[in-house]
């Protein structure tokens, strides 16, 4: 396996629960209160898919204008809740190590700019690393478009990429894109759920993943020199 494609929220940065609170507050303000645990189960979807899920929860269709207002308000609240982002344990070191090993990697997220900018900065991601976000593709997870676009930017076929994610939506999207996937427990899903969604292996956090790269067949490129 030649490359890794990482989800962002809950996989590399500790932002899942800020997203839950932001969505919950935005929905509350709009007169559509939803329990936090129901919101959590859908973090990782695109905002558009999320608002369709909200329609089912509240028992009526949301207009296009309502959906747009909810997504905008969610982004405003999220940025206020998390002006600075905290990388998950080992995330920065893992990305640095991959660079030093000559292992290609990219980031593919259902988030949009400017919401993701602080997270990318907190991870010290080099400008040369491909970052695919929701605005770059027609469909988001559980569709595979984000991950397929990330593989294309690495100039590699999907079959030569591992997807690393924390939510079942990541793993389902990887499966539909003909990619192996790796689950992390950092987003609040249990090991059994991640394995059932198609994870080849499940690790505690990015640090645990780095310690186990050999299990995935990820090794330094012998032709790469730093």
Protein backbone atom coordinates (compact mmCIF):
# COMPACT_ATOMS: atom_id res chain seq x y z
CA UNK A 1 0.00 0.00 0.00
CA UNK A 2 1.54 3.27 -1.10
CA UNK A 3 -0.49 6.13 0.39
CA UNK A 4 -2.77 7.24 3.22
CA UNK A 5 -5.81 9.48 2.88
CA UNK A 6 -6.94 11.04 6.16
CA UNK A 7 -10.29 12.35 7.26
CA UNK A 8 -9.85 15.52 9.34
CA UNK A 9 -12.41 16.09 12.12
CA UNK A 10 -12.15 13.38 14.76
CA UNK A 11 -9.30 11.67 12.92
CA UNK A 12 -6.48 14.23 13.09
CA UNK A 13 -8.05 17.02 15.17
CA UNK A 14 -10.25 16.84 18.28
CA UNK A 15 -13.32 18.64 16.90
CA UNK A 16 -16.17 16.10 16.76
CA UNK A 17 -17.95 17.29 19.86
CA UNK A 18 -17.60 20.96 18.98
CA UNK A 19 -19.41 20.09 15.74
CA UNK A 20 -22.13 18.33 17.75
CA UNK A 21 -22.66 21.37 19.98
CA UNK A 22 -22.57 23.76 17.01
CA UNK A 23 -25.23 21.79 15.14
CA UNK A 24 -27.34 21.40 18.27
CA UNK A 25 -27.26 25.14 18.98
CA UNK A 26 -27.98 26.06 15.35
CA UNK A 27 -30.96 23.68 15.32
CA UNK A 28 -32.21 24.94 18.68
CA UNK A 29 -32.13 28.52 17.42
CA UNK A 30 -34.12 27.43 14.36
CA UNK A 31 -36.79 25.81 16.54
CA UNK A 32 -35.71 22.25 15.77
CA UNK A 33 -34.22 20.81 18.98
CA UNK A 34 -32.50 17.43 18.50
CA UNK A 35 -30.72 15.33 21.13
CA UNK A 36 -26.94 15.53 20.99
CA UNK A 37 -26.43 11.78 20.64
CA UNK A 38 -28.55 11.75 17.47
CA UNK A 39 -26.42 14.52 16.01
CA UNK A 40 -23.19 12.73 16.91
CA UNK A 41 -24.22 9.65 14.92
CA UNK A 42 -24.24 11.78 11.78
CA UNK A 43 -21.06 13.79 12.20
CA UNK A 44 -18.87 13.08 9.19
CA UNK A 45 -21.65 13.49 6.65
CA UNK A 46 -21.66 16.59 4.48
CA UNK A 47 -23.75 19.50 5.73
CA UNK A 48 -26.27 18.85 2.96
CA UNK A 49 -26.74 15.20 3.90
CA UNK A 50 -26.90 16.18 7.54
CA UNK A 51 -29.76 18.62 6.94
CA UNK A 52 -31.65 15.89 5.08
CA UNK A 53 -31.19 13.68 8.13
CA UNK A 54 -32.53 16.55 10.24
CA UNK A 55 -35.64 16.56 8.05
CA UNK A 56 -36.33 12.97 9.08
CA UNK A 57 -35.76 13.78 12.75
CA UNK A 58 -38.17 16.73 12.80
CA UNK A 59 -40.73 15.07 10.56
CA UNK A 60 -40.83 17.61 7.73
CA UNK A 61 -38.79 18.69 4.75
CA UNK A 62 -36.42 21.63 5.18
CA UNK A 63 -36.47 24.24 2.48
CA UNK A 64 -33.27 24.99 0.59
CA UNK A 65 -33.11 28.35 2.38
CA UNK A 66 -33.50 26.71 5.81
CA UNK A 67 -30.75 24.21 5.02
CA UNK A 68 -28.40 26.96 3.87
CA UNK A 69 -29.10 29.04 6.99
CA UNK A 70 -28.48 26.03 9.23
CA UNK A 71 -25.15 25.24 7.56
CA UNK A 72 -24.05 28.87 7.74
CA UNK A 73 -25.03 29.19 11.39
CA UNK A 74 -23.34 25.88 12.25
CA UNK A 75 -20.09 27.17 10.74
CA UNK A 76 -20.30 30.43 12.69
CA UNK A 77 -20.91 28.67 15.99
CA UNK A 78 -18.24 26.04 15.32
CA UNK A 79 -15.56 28.65 14.61
CA UNK A 80 -16.53 30.51 17.80
CA UNK A 81 -16.40 27.31 19.88
CA UNK A 82 -13.08 26.16 18.43
CA UNK A 83 -11.03 29.18 17.34
CA UNK A 84 -7.94 27.08 17.97
CA UNK A 85 -7.79 23.39 17.16
CA UNK A 86 -6.12 20.64 19.16
CA UNK A 87 -4.46 17.87 17.15
CA UNK A 88 -5.28 14.40 18.42
CA UNK A 89 -2.47 12.43 20.13
CA UNK A 90 0.34 11.70 17.70
CA UNK A 91 -1.34 13.36 14.69
CA UNK A 92 1.35 15.97 13.99
CA UNK A 93 4.17 13.47 14.52
CA UNK A 94 2.46 10.90 12.27
CA UNK A 95 2.15 13.33 9.39
CA UNK A 96 5.73 14.49 9.84
CA UNK A 97 6.96 10.89 9.92
CA UNK A 98 5.11 10.03 6.71
CA UNK A 99 6.77 12.98 5.03
CA UNK A 100 10.20 11.90 6.24
CA UNK A 101 9.54 8.34 5.04
CA UNK A 102 8.46 9.51 1.60
CA UNK A 103 4.98 8.00 2.06
CA UNK A 104 2.39 10.03 0.12
CA UNK A 105 -0.65 11.24 2.03
CA UNK A 106 -3.52 13.63 1.65
CA UNK A 107 -6.47 14.96 3.65
CA UNK A 108 -10.07 14.62 2.52
CA UNK A 109 -12.81 16.22 4.62
CA UNK A 110 -16.52 16.88 4.46
CA UNK A 111 -15.76 20.26 6.03
CA UNK A 112 -15.52 23.47 4.09
CA UNK A 113 -13.29 26.48 4.13
CA UNK A 114 -12.99 28.58 6.24
CA UNK A 115 -14.11 26.04 8.88
CA UNK A 116 -11.16 23.71 8.23
CA UNK A 117 -8.41 26.34 7.94
CA UNK A 118 -7.49 26.43 11.64
CA UNK A 119 -7.32 22.63 11.75
CA UNK A 120 -4.96 22.44 8.78
CA UNK A 121 -2.78 25.09 10.39
CA UNK A 122 -2.74 23.29 13.77
CA UNK A 123 -1.43 20.15 12.04
CA UNK A 124 1.40 22.08 10.33
CA UNK A 125 0.36 20.58 7.00
CA UNK A 126 2.72 21.67 4.22
CA UNK A 127 1.22 23.55 1.30
CA UNK A 128 2.36 20.73 -0.99
CA UNK A 129 0.00 18.23 0.69
CA UNK A 130 -3.30 17.81 -1.17
CA UNK A 131 -6.33 18.86 0.87
CA UNK A 132 -9.72 18.00 -0.62
CA UNK A 133 -12.76 19.61 0.99
CA UNK A 134 -16.51 19.57 0.43
CA UNK A 135 -16.41 22.39 -2.08
CA UNK A 136 -14.13 20.37 -4.37
CA UNK A 137 -16.55 17.52 -5.12
CA UNK A 138 -20.16 17.02 -6.16
CA UNK A 139 -21.03 14.53 -3.41
CA UNK A 140 -19.74 13.96 0.11
CA UNK A 141 -19.58 10.94 2.40
CA UNK A 142 -20.85 8.25 2.36
CA UNK A 143 -20.26 8.76 -1.36
CA UNK A 144 -16.58 8.12 -2.24
CA UNK A 145 -15.96 11.35 -4.19
CA UNK A 146 -13.74 13.02 -1.59
CA UNK A 147 -11.42 10.04 -1.31
CA UNK A 148 -11.32 9.39 -5.04
CA UNK A 149 -10.38 13.04 -5.62
CA UNK A 150 -7.65 12.76 -2.97
CA UNK A 151 -6.21 9.65 -4.66
CA UNK A 152 -6.27 11.43 -8.01
CA UNK A 153 -4.33 14.35 -6.55
CA UNK A 154 -1.74 11.86 -5.33
CA UNK A 155 -1.64 10.40 -8.87
CA UNK A 156 -2.39 6.95 -7.47
CA UNK A 157 -5.19 4.46 -8.15
CA UNK A 158 -7.70 4.05 -5.31
CA UNK A 159 -6.57 0.47 -4.72
CA UNK A 160 -3.16 1.73 -3.59
CA UNK A 161 -4.55 4.03 -0.87
CA UNK A 162 -5.69 3.44 2.69
CA UNK A 163 -8.44 5.71 4.03
CA UNK A 164 -8.07 6.61 7.72
CA UNK A 165 -11.24 7.78 9.46
CA UNK A 166 -13.08 7.89 12.75
CA UNK A 167 -16.70 7.49 11.58
CA UNK A 168 -18.67 4.81 9.81
CA UNK A 169 -19.33 7.32 7.01
CA UNK A 170 -15.59 7.42 6.23
CA UNK A 171 -15.34 3.66 6.06
CA UNK A 172 -18.47 3.22 3.96
CA UNK A 173 -17.20 5.83 1.51
CA UNK A 174 -13.83 4.06 1.30
CA UNK A 175 -15.56 0.76 0.64
CA UNK A 176 -17.58 2.28 -2.19
CA UNK A 177 -14.36 3.70 -3.64
CA UNK A 178 -12.61 0.28 -3.62
CA UNK A 179 -10.17 1.35 -0.91
CA UNK A 180 -9.03 -0.38 2.25
CA UNK A 181 -9.81 1.61 5.37
CA UNK A 182 -8.48 2.02 8.89
CA UNK A 183 -10.64 3.13 11.80
CA UNK A 184 -9.65 5.29 14.77
CA UNK A 185 -11.57 5.35 18.05
CA UNK A 186 -11.10 9.12 18.42
CA UNK A 187 -14.52 10.06 17.02
CA UNK A 188 -16.65 8.20 19.53
CA UNK A 189 -17.60 5.14 17.46
CA UNK A 190 -16.86 1.73 18.96
CA UNK A 191 -14.50 -0.83 17.49
CA UNK A 192 -17.37 -3.16 16.55
CA UNK A 193 -19.12 -0.40 14.59
CA UNK A 194 -15.97 0.53 12.68
CA UNK A 195 -15.18 -3.08 11.84
CA UNK A 196 -18.76 -3.68 10.71
CA UNK A 197 -18.49 -0.64 8.41
CA UNK A 198 -15.46 -2.20 6.72
CA UNK A 199 -12.33 -1.19 8.66
CA UNK A 200 -9.35 -3.44 7.96
CA UNK A 201 -7.81 -2.47 11.32
CA UNK A 202 -8.89 -0.22 14.20
CA UNK A 203 -6.46 1.80 16.31
CA UNK A 204 -6.84 3.97 19.38
CA UNK A 205 -5.51 7.23 17.92
CA UNK A 206 -2.96 8.54 15.39
CA UNK A 207 -0.08 7.67 17.71
CA UNK A 208 -1.24 4.05 17.89
CA UNK A 209 -1.61 4.02 14.10
CA UNK A 210 1.96 5.26 13.61
CA UNK A 211 3.29 2.52 15.88
CA UNK A 212 1.48 -0.05 13.74
CA UNK A 213 2.19 1.16 10.20
CA UNK A 214 4.06 -2.04 9.45
CA UNK A 215 0.79 -3.97 9.94
CA UNK A 216 -0.57 -2.04 6.97
CA UNK A 217 2.45 -2.62 4.79
CA UNK A 218 3.37 1.08 4.93
CA UNK A 219 7.15 1.37 4.77
CA UNK A 220 9.70 4.06 3.91
CA UNK A 221 10.25 4.67 0.22
CA UNK A 222 13.83 3.39 -0.41
CA UNK A 223 14.27 5.93 -3.20
CA UNK A 224 13.19 8.86 -1.03
CA UNK A 225 15.73 11.02 0.74
CA UNK A 226 14.87 14.00 2.95
